[in-house]
C-alpha cells in the first residue's frame, strides 16, 4: 500500500511545465547562438586589428626604404645617423606609434618623445633586433607594446624601430564587444520573454484540456474545450493545437453519447424489466407446488413472460450496439433485388395484399441504378420491422406496398400501408425509445421497433420518417440513406 501510494504521489507531483521547458530551451539556444556569434566576431576583429597594425608598420618601413634608396642615390656616403634622423623629421607616426632611431648601442632620436625609450627593459628587449631585425613584444604600464626593427647598415650599425601600443586598438575592440554583449543580453531576454508568451498562448488549449478533463465526471460530460472561430464557424487558426482541440472535443462528444446511451439503456431496461420481474415473482410466491394444474399454468405463463423479457433485452442490446463502429457490415447490394427479397419474406408476416411499388416521379428511371454500399441484413431487418408494423395496423387482405428508388445521391426504401395512419403529433415521437402512438389491442410490443429502424438508418448516415402515402389512407414509412456506390469509395 505504501509503495502504491508513493508511486501515485510521484506521478501527480508537478514538475517543470512544458511552457517553462520550452522557454528555457529557447533561452539556452539563443544564448549559445549569440555567444558563439560574439566569439566569432571577437576572433575576426582581433585578427583584423593585428593585421591593421602590421600594415601600418609595413607602411612606415616601406617609406623608410624608399627614403633610404633616394638619399643613397643622391649621396652614397650618407651616414646611418643622418638617414634615420631625416626619416624621423619627415614622418609623423600615428597616435599609437613611436619611431626610434637607434645607432650603435643606444637610441639617438625618437618621435614623439616617450619615456619608454629610457626604460632599461625596452633597451634590453630591442638590442638584439638592431642587427638581426624582427619583432618582439613587451609589457609596459601602458599595456602591451609591439616593436618591429628595420636594420640599417652604413658607417655605423643602426636600425629604425617602430613601436606600436596595442592597448588602444584592443580597448576599442573590447568596448565594441561590451556593447555587443549588452545588446545580445537584452535581445536574449526579449526573445526569451517572447518565447514564454508564445509558448503560453500555444499551450493554452492544453491547459484548458487538462482543466476540462479534471472537471469531467460520470454525471457531467457536457464540458468542451473552447475553440476560437470566426463568424462563419471556421477556426481562426489552423495548426496542430487547434486540430488537437477539435479532435478532443469530438472524442468528448462520442464519450458523452456513449455514456448517455448507456444511461438510457439502463433506465429503459430497468423500467421495462421491472413489470415482468414483478409478475414472475408474484406468481412464484403464490404458486402451490402440490397442485399440478396450477404448476402447469404458471409454467406456461412464466415461459411466455420470459420470452417477452428476452425479446425486450435483445431489442435494447441492439439499440445499445447501434453506435458502435462494428454495427454495420457494409457490402454491395442491389436496391431492386433487396426489396424483392424483403417482399418475399414479408408475405409470411400476415394475410395481406403484398405489392412491389414502382419508382415514381424524378426517380422513376433510377430504381435500377446499380449496386450500392450498405448493410443488406440491417436494411432487411428495418424493412421487415416496418412490414410487421404495417401488418399490425391493417386488416387481413389490406394492401401493403414495399419499394425503393434512387434519386441523385439518395436511396429511399419505403413500406406503405392502408391503415389508419399516424397523427402528425406522433410522427416524431414514435421513433423514440418506447415512444408509441395509437396501437391495436392485441399489440404487445414495447415501442422499440421503430427506434431500431431509426438507429439502422442513422448508422448508414440517413434518417427514418413517416409520411402520407401517395394516394389513399394509411402511412408510408421511409428510410432515406446516402446512395454510396462502391466506385465512390475507390475514388476517395
Foldseek 3Di string as FASTA:
>chain_A
DVVVVVVVCVVPDDDDDPLNVQLVVLLVVLVVVLVVVLVVVLVVLVVVLVVVVVVLVVVLVVVLVVQVVVVCVVPVQDALVVSQVVSVVPDAHDPQKKKFKFWDQATDDIPPDDCVRVDPVNSVVCRVCQPVWDWDWDADPQGIKIKGWDWDDHPTTIIIIMIGHPPVSVVVSVVVSVVSVVVSVVVSVVVSVVSSVVSCVLCVLVVQVVVQVVPDDLVDLPDARDFDADPVRHGPDDDDSNVVSVVVRVVSVLVVVLSVLVVVLVVVLCVVVVVLVVVLVVLVVPQDVVDVVSVVVNVVVNVVSVVQNVVVVVLSVLLSCLSPPPNWDKDWDQQVVLQVVLQVVLVVLAQEAEDEDADDDPQNPANRVGIFITRSVLVSLLVSLVSNVQPQQDDHHWYKYWYWTDDDFKIKTKIWTQGQAFDPVQFVQLLDFQRDDDGDPPDPDRSSSNVSSQSRLVSQVWGWTKDAPPDHHTIMIMRIHGRHHPVNVVVD
